[in-house]
Amino acid sequence: MYLDKWLGVYKSASDNTVGFMVKWDSVESKTPLPPDKWHHITVTLSDNTASIYLNGKLESKKKVNKSELYFPESSFRIGANVDGENSSTTYIDDLFILNDAASENEIIELVNSHEKAIKK
């Protein structure tokens, strides 16, 4: 495994926030996720900017170094960091991996289409 070529979406062990790591740069949400509730999490990587959205609202974005990040040699994890630590029990209803970063309007449309589950 190439530890310098990976993407990951993880839950912080300390404060229940969500992070998106690109290589060794990361962006984290500001809002802790209440347990036992559905959340719509969107992460985007456009140019050299990683962004994280919670329930359709931009939480945080950051410039990252994504040079030499390519598939199939890159690893991708959901729910744990690169070495498998800080894993979490996570239920995933829908997962989309797109070639292009979704726009804010597209993200809002996705959230609205899942609004009943999010409000439970």
N, C-alpha and C. Protein backbone atom coordinates (compact mmCIF):
# COMPACT_ATOMS: atom_id res chain seq x y z
N MET A 1 0.84 -1.18 0.00
CA MET A 1 0.00 0.00 0.00
C MET A 1 0.88 1.24 0.00
N TYR A 2 0.49 2.21 -0.76
CA TYR A 2 1.21 3.49 -0.80
C TYR A 2 0.58 4.42 0.22
N LEU A 3 1.20 4.57 1.37
CA LEU A 3 0.62 5.38 2.43
C LEU A 3 0.62 6.86 2.10
N ASP A 4 1.37 7.28 1.09
CA ASP A 4 1.37 8.69 0.73
C ASP A 4 0.38 8.98 -0.39
N LYS A 5 -0.39 8.00 -0.81
CA LYS A 5 -1.34 8.18 -1.90
C LYS A 5 -2.69 7.60 -1.47
N TRP A 6 -3.40 8.33 -0.63
CA TRP A 6 -4.68 7.79 -0.19
C TRP A 6 -5.67 8.90 0.15
N LEU A 7 -6.93 8.53 0.13
CA LEU A 7 -8.04 9.39 0.52
C LEU A 7 -8.77 8.70 1.66
N GLY A 8 -9.35 9.46 2.55
CA GLY A 8 -10.11 8.84 3.62
C GLY A 8 -11.14 9.77 4.22
N VAL A 9 -12.26 9.20 4.60
CA VAL A 9 -13.30 9.91 5.34
C VAL A 9 -13.39 9.20 6.68
N TYR A 10 -13.26 9.94 7.75
CA TYR A 10 -13.18 9.32 9.08
C TYR A 10 -13.93 10.14 10.11
N LYS A 11 -14.26 9.50 11.23
CA LYS A 11 -14.86 10.17 12.38
C LYS A 11 -13.78 10.37 13.41
N SER A 12 -13.65 11.58 13.90
CA SER A 12 -12.66 11.87 14.93
C SER A 12 -13.02 11.12 16.21
N ALA A 13 -12.04 10.48 16.80
CA ALA A 13 -12.28 9.73 18.03
C ALA A 13 -12.51 10.64 19.23
N SER A 14 -12.02 11.86 19.16
CA SER A 14 -12.08 12.74 20.33
C SER A 14 -13.35 13.57 20.42
N ASP A 15 -13.85 14.07 19.30
CA ASP A 15 -14.99 15.00 19.41
C ASP A 15 -16.15 14.71 18.47
N ASN A 16 -16.17 13.55 17.84
CA ASN A 16 -17.29 13.12 16.99
C ASN A 16 -17.51 14.02 15.77
N THR A 17 -16.46 14.66 15.30
CA THR A 17 -16.55 15.40 14.04
C THR A 17 -16.12 14.46 12.90
N VAL A 18 -16.30 14.92 11.68
CA VAL A 18 -15.94 14.13 10.50
C VAL A 18 -14.77 14.80 9.80
N GLY A 19 -13.86 13.99 9.30
CA GLY A 19 -12.72 14.52 8.58
C GLY A 19 -12.58 13.89 7.21
N PHE A 20 -11.90 14.60 6.33
CA PHE A 20 -11.60 14.13 4.98
C PHE A 20 -10.10 14.33 4.79
N MET A 21 -9.38 13.24 4.64
CA MET A 21 -7.93 13.33 4.53
C MET A 21 -7.51 13.01 3.10
N VAL A 22 -6.62 13.86 2.58
CA VAL A 22 -6.03 13.69 1.26
C VAL A 22 -4.53 13.63 1.47
N LYS A 23 -3.97 12.46 1.22
CA LYS A 23 -2.57 12.24 1.55
C LYS A 23 -2.38 12.56 3.03
N TRP A 24 -1.58 13.52 3.39
CA TRP A 24 -1.39 13.83 4.81
C TRP A 24 -2.02 15.15 5.21
N ASP A 25 -2.80 15.77 4.31
CA ASP A 25 -3.56 16.98 4.65
C ASP A 25 -4.98 16.56 4.99
N SER A 26 -5.59 17.27 5.93
CA SER A 26 -6.98 16.94 6.25
C SER A 26 -7.79 18.19 6.50
N VAL A 27 -9.07 18.06 6.28
CA VAL A 27 -10.04 19.10 6.60
C VAL A 27 -11.08 18.43 7.49
N GLU A 28 -11.50 19.12 8.55
CA GLU A 28 -12.44 18.54 9.49
C GLU A 28 -13.65 19.43 9.66
N SER A 29 -14.79 18.79 9.92
CA SER A 29 -16.01 19.55 10.19
C SER A 29 -15.86 20.26 11.52
N LYS A 30 -16.68 21.26 11.72
CA LYS A 30 -16.66 22.01 12.98
C LYS A 30 -17.74 21.52 13.93
N THR A 31 -18.78 20.91 13.37
CA THR A 31 -19.93 20.51 14.15
C THR A 31 -19.85 19.02 14.49
N PRO A 32 -19.89 18.67 15.78
CA PRO A 32 -19.94 17.25 16.15
C PRO A 32 -21.25 16.62 15.67
N LEU A 33 -21.17 15.37 15.25
CA LEU A 33 -22.36 14.66 14.80
C LEU A 33 -23.03 13.96 15.97
N PRO A 34 -24.29 14.27 16.23
CA PRO A 34 -24.99 13.54 17.30
C PRO A 34 -25.09 12.06 16.93
N PRO A 35 -24.89 11.17 17.89
CA PRO A 35 -24.98 9.74 17.59
C PRO A 35 -26.43 9.31 17.33
N ASP A 36 -26.57 8.15 16.71
CA ASP A 36 -27.88 7.54 16.48
C ASP A 36 -28.81 8.40 15.63
N LYS A 37 -28.25 9.12 14.69
CA LYS A 37 -29.03 9.96 13.79
C LYS A 37 -28.38 9.91 12.42
N TRP A 38 -29.19 9.96 11.37
CA TRP A 38 -28.67 9.98 10.01
C TRP A 38 -28.08 11.35 9.70
N HIS A 39 -27.00 11.36 8.95
CA HIS A 39 -26.37 12.60 8.51
C HIS A 39 -26.00 12.47 7.05
N HIS A 40 -26.12 13.54 6.33
CA HIS A 40 -25.69 13.56 4.93
C HIS A 40 -24.31 14.21 4.91
N ILE A 41 -23.30 13.42 4.56
CA ILE A 41 -21.92 13.89 4.54
C ILE A 41 -21.45 13.90 3.10
N THR A 42 -20.93 15.03 2.66
CA THR A 42 -20.38 15.14 1.31
C THR A 42 -18.97 15.68 1.42
N VAL A 43 -18.06 15.02 0.73
CA VAL A 43 -16.70 15.54 0.64
C VAL A 43 -16.39 15.74 -0.84
N THR A 44 -15.69 16.83 -1.13
CA THR A 44 -15.31 17.10 -2.52
C THR A 44 -13.82 17.42 -2.58
N LEU A 45 -13.25 17.12 -3.71
CA LEU A 45 -11.86 17.45 -3.98
C LEU A 45 -11.82 18.05 -5.37
N SER A 46 -11.62 19.36 -5.43
CA SER A 46 -11.61 20.08 -6.70
C SER A 46 -10.34 20.91 -6.77
N ASP A 47 -9.61 20.73 -7.84
CA ASP A 47 -8.29 21.33 -7.95
C ASP A 47 -7.49 20.89 -6.72
N ASN A 48 -7.04 21.82 -5.92
CA ASN A 48 -6.31 21.46 -4.70
C ASN A 48 -7.08 21.86 -3.45
N THR A 49 -8.41 21.86 -3.52
CA THR A 49 -9.23 22.23 -2.38
C THR A 49 -10.10 21.05 -1.95
N ALA A 50 -9.97 20.66 -0.69
CA ALA A 50 -10.81 19.62 -0.10
C ALA A 50 -11.89 20.33 0.72
N SER A 51 -13.14 19.90 0.55
CA SER A 51 -14.26 20.51 1.27
C SER A 51 -15.09 19.42 1.91
N ILE A 52 -15.71 19.77 3.03
CA ILE A 52 -16.61 18.84 3.71
C ILE A 52 -17.92 19.55 4.02
N TYR A 53 -19.02 18.90 3.68
CA TYR A 53 -20.37 19.43 3.89
C TYR A 53 -21.11 18.49 4.82
N LEU A 54 -21.87 19.05 5.76
CA LEU A 54 -22.75 18.27 6.62
C LEU A 54 -24.18 18.72 6.39
N ASN A 55 -25.00 17.79 5.99
CA ASN A 55 -26.42 18.06 5.71
C ASN A 55 -26.58 19.26 4.77
N GLY A 56 -25.71 19.34 3.77
CA GLY A 56 -25.82 20.35 2.72
C GLY A 56 -25.14 21.67 3.01
N LYS A 57 -24.58 21.84 4.19
CA LYS A 57 -23.93 23.11 4.54
C LYS A 57 -22.42 22.92 4.57
N LEU A 58 -21.72 23.85 3.91
CA LEU A 58 -20.26 23.80 3.90
C LEU A 58 -19.75 24.01 5.32
N GLU A 59 -19.01 23.04 5.82
CA GLU A 59 -18.45 23.10 7.17
C GLU A 59 -17.03 23.65 7.15
N SER A 60 -16.25 23.19 6.18
CA SER A 60 -14.85 23.57 6.16
C SER A 60 -14.25 23.24 4.81
N LYS A 61 -13.24 24.01 4.43
CA LYS A 61 -12.48 23.69 3.23
C LYS A 61 -11.04 24.11 3.43
N LYS A 62 -10.15 23.47 2.69
CA LYS A 62 -8.74 23.71 2.89
C LYS A 62 -7.97 23.34 1.63
N LYS A 63 -6.94 24.09 1.34
CA LYS A 63 -6.03 23.74 0.25
C LYS A 63 -5.23 22.52 0.68
N VAL A 64 -5.11 21.55 -0.22
CA VAL A 64 -4.36 20.33 0.06
C VAL A 64 -3.42 20.03 -1.10
N ASN A 65 -2.45 19.20 -0.84
CA ASN A 65 -1.52 18.76 -1.87
C ASN A 65 -1.98 17.42 -2.39
N LYS A 66 -2.55 17.41 -3.58
CA LYS A 66 -3.01 16.14 -4.12
C LYS A 66 -2.14 15.65 -5.27
N SER A 67 -0.95 16.20 -5.39
CA SER A 67 -0.06 15.74 -6.46
C SER A 67 0.23 14.25 -6.29
N GLU A 68 0.33 13.58 -7.37
CA GLU A 68 0.60 12.14 -7.41
C GLU A 68 -0.48 11.30 -6.76
N LEU A 69 -1.68 11.85 -6.59
CA LEU A 69 -2.79 11.09 -6.06
C LEU A 69 -3.57 10.55 -7.25
N TYR A 70 -3.53 9.28 -7.46
CA TYR A 70 -4.22 8.68 -8.58
C TYR A 70 -4.61 7.25 -8.25
N PHE A 71 -5.61 6.78 -8.94
CA PHE A 71 -6.08 5.41 -8.75
C PHE A 71 -5.56 4.59 -9.91
N PRO A 72 -5.30 3.28 -9.81
CA PRO A 72 -5.69 2.41 -8.72
C PRO A 72 -4.65 2.29 -7.61
N GLU A 73 -3.56 3.01 -7.67
CA GLU A 73 -2.53 2.86 -6.66
C GLU A 73 -2.85 3.58 -5.36
N SER A 74 -3.88 4.40 -5.33
CA SER A 74 -4.25 5.11 -4.12
C SER A 74 -5.26 4.30 -3.32
N SER A 75 -5.18 4.40 -2.01
CA SER A 75 -6.14 3.73 -1.13
C SER A 75 -7.28 4.69 -0.80
N PHE A 76 -8.46 4.14 -0.54
CA PHE A 76 -9.61 4.94 -0.15
C PHE A 76 -10.29 4.23 1.01
N ARG A 77 -10.47 4.93 2.12
CA ARG A 77 -11.11 4.35 3.30
C ARG A 77 -12.29 5.21 3.74
N ILE A 78 -13.29 4.55 4.25
CA ILE A 78 -14.42 5.23 4.88
C ILE A 78 -14.56 4.65 6.28
N GLY A 79 -14.51 5.51 7.28
CA GLY A 79 -14.73 5.08 8.65
C GLY A 79 -13.49 4.71 9.43
N ALA A 80 -12.30 4.93 8.88
CA ALA A 80 -11.06 4.66 9.60
C ALA A 80 -9.94 5.46 8.95
N ASN A 81 -8.87 5.67 9.69
CA ASN A 81 -7.76 6.40 9.09
C ASN A 81 -6.87 5.44 8.31
N VAL A 82 -5.76 5.92 7.77
CA VAL A 82 -4.95 5.16 6.81
C VAL A 82 -4.45 3.83 7.35
N ASP A 83 -4.16 3.74 8.63
CA ASP A 83 -3.64 2.49 9.18
C ASP A 83 -4.74 1.63 9.80
N GLY A 84 -6.00 2.03 9.60
CA GLY A 84 -7.12 1.26 10.13
C GLY A 84 -7.49 1.60 11.56
N GLU A 85 -6.76 2.53 12.18
CA GLU A 85 -7.07 2.95 13.55
C GLU A 85 -8.27 3.89 13.53
N ASN A 86 -8.80 4.16 14.71
CA ASN A 86 -9.95 5.06 14.88
C ASN A 86 -11.13 4.63 14.02
N SER A 87 -11.33 3.33 13.89
CA SER A 87 -12.46 2.87 13.09
C SER A 87 -13.75 3.11 13.86
N SER A 88 -14.84 3.20 13.13
CA SER A 88 -16.13 3.44 13.76
C SER A 88 -17.17 2.53 13.12
N THR A 89 -18.22 2.26 13.87
CA THR A 89 -19.36 1.54 13.32
C THR A 89 -20.21 2.55 12.59
N THR A 90 -20.31 2.37 11.30
CA THR A 90 -20.99 3.35 10.45
C THR A 90 -21.92 2.62 9.51
N TYR A 91 -23.12 3.10 9.38
CA TYR A 91 -24.07 2.55 8.42
C TYR A 91 -24.15 3.50 7.24
N ILE A 92 -23.99 2.97 6.06
CA ILE A 92 -24.02 3.79 4.85
C ILE A 92 -25.23 3.38 4.03
N ASP A 93 -26.06 4.35 3.69
CA ASP A 93 -27.26 4.07 2.90
C ASP A 93 -26.94 4.22 1.42
N ASP A 94 -26.39 5.32 1.03
CA ASP A 94 -26.03 5.58 -0.37
C ASP A 94 -24.60 6.09 -0.42
N LEU A 95 -23.87 5.66 -1.41
CA LEU A 95 -22.50 6.13 -1.61
C LEU A 95 -22.33 6.47 -3.08
N PHE A 96 -21.90 7.68 -3.35
CA PHE A 96 -21.64 8.11 -4.71
C PHE A 96 -20.17 8.52 -4.81
N ILE A 97 -19.50 8.05 -5.82
CA ILE A 97 -18.15 8.49 -6.12
C ILE A 97 -18.19 9.02 -7.54
N LEU A 98 -17.95 10.31 -7.68
CA LEU A 98 -18.08 10.99 -8.97
C LEU A 98 -16.72 11.38 -9.51
N ASN A 99 -16.64 11.54 -10.82
CA ASN A 99 -15.40 11.99 -11.45
C ASN A 99 -15.13 13.47 -11.22
N ASP A 100 -16.19 14.25 -11.04
CA ASP A 100 -16.07 15.69 -10.82
C ASP A 100 -16.68 16.04 -9.47
N ALA A 101 -16.17 17.10 -8.87
CA ALA A 101 -16.72 17.55 -7.59
C ALA A 101 -18.13 18.08 -7.80
N ALA A 102 -19.05 17.67 -6.93
CA ALA A 102 -20.42 18.17 -6.99
C ALA A 102 -20.44 19.65 -6.60
N SER A 103 -21.30 20.41 -7.26
CA SER A 103 -21.45 21.83 -6.92
C SER A 103 -22.29 21.95 -5.64
N GLU A 104 -22.29 23.13 -5.05
CA GLU A 104 -23.11 23.33 -3.85
C GLU A 104 -24.58 23.10 -4.15
N ASN A 105 -25.06 23.51 -5.32
CA ASN A 105 -26.46 23.27 -5.68
C ASN A 105 -26.76 21.78 -5.83
N GLU A 106 -25.84 21.02 -6.41
CA GLU A 106 -26.03 19.58 -6.54
C GLU A 106 -26.04 18.90 -5.17
N ILE A 107 -25.22 19.37 -4.27
CA ILE A 107 -25.18 18.82 -2.91
C ILE A 107 -26.50 19.09 -2.20
N ILE A 108 -27.02 20.29 -2.33
CA ILE A 108 -28.31 20.64 -1.72
C ILE A 108 -29.42 19.77 -2.29
N GLU A 109 -29.41 19.53 -3.60
CA GLU A 109 -30.41 18.65 -4.21
C GLU A 109 -30.33 17.24 -3.63
N LEU A 110 -29.12 16.73 -3.43
CA LEU A 110 -28.95 15.40 -2.84
C LEU A 110 -29.50 15.36 -1.41
N VAL A 111 -29.19 16.39 -0.64
CA VAL A 111 -29.68 16.44 0.74
C VAL A 111 -31.20 16.49 0.75
N ASN A 112 -31.78 17.33 -0.09
CA ASN A 112 -33.23 17.44 -0.14
C ASN A 112 -33.89 16.13 -0.53
N SER A 113 -33.24 15.34 -1.38
CA SER A 113 -33.81 14.06 -1.79
C SER A 113 -33.76 13.03 -0.66
N HIS A 114 -32.95 13.27 0.36
CA HIS A 114 -32.83 12.36 1.51
C HIS A 114 -33.33 13.03 2.80
N GLU A 115 -34.08 14.11 2.68
CA GLU A 115 -34.44 14.92 3.83
C GLU A 115 -35.19 14.14 4.91
N LYS A 116 -36.08 13.21 4.54
CA LYS A 116 -36.84 12.46 5.55
C LYS A 116 -35.90 11.66 6.45
N ALA A 117 -34.91 11.03 5.87
CA ALA A 117 -33.97 10.22 6.67
C ALA A 117 -33.13 11.10 7.58
N ILE A 118 -32.72 12.26 7.10
CA ILE A 118 -31.86 13.15 7.88
C ILE A 118 -32.61 13.70 9.08
N LYS A 119 -33.90 13.98 8.94
CA LYS A 119 -34.66 14.58 10.03
C LYS A 119 -35.12 13.58 11.08
N LYS A 120 -34.93 12.30 10.86
CA LYS A 120 -35.36 11.29 11.84
C LYS A 120 -34.60 11.45 13.13
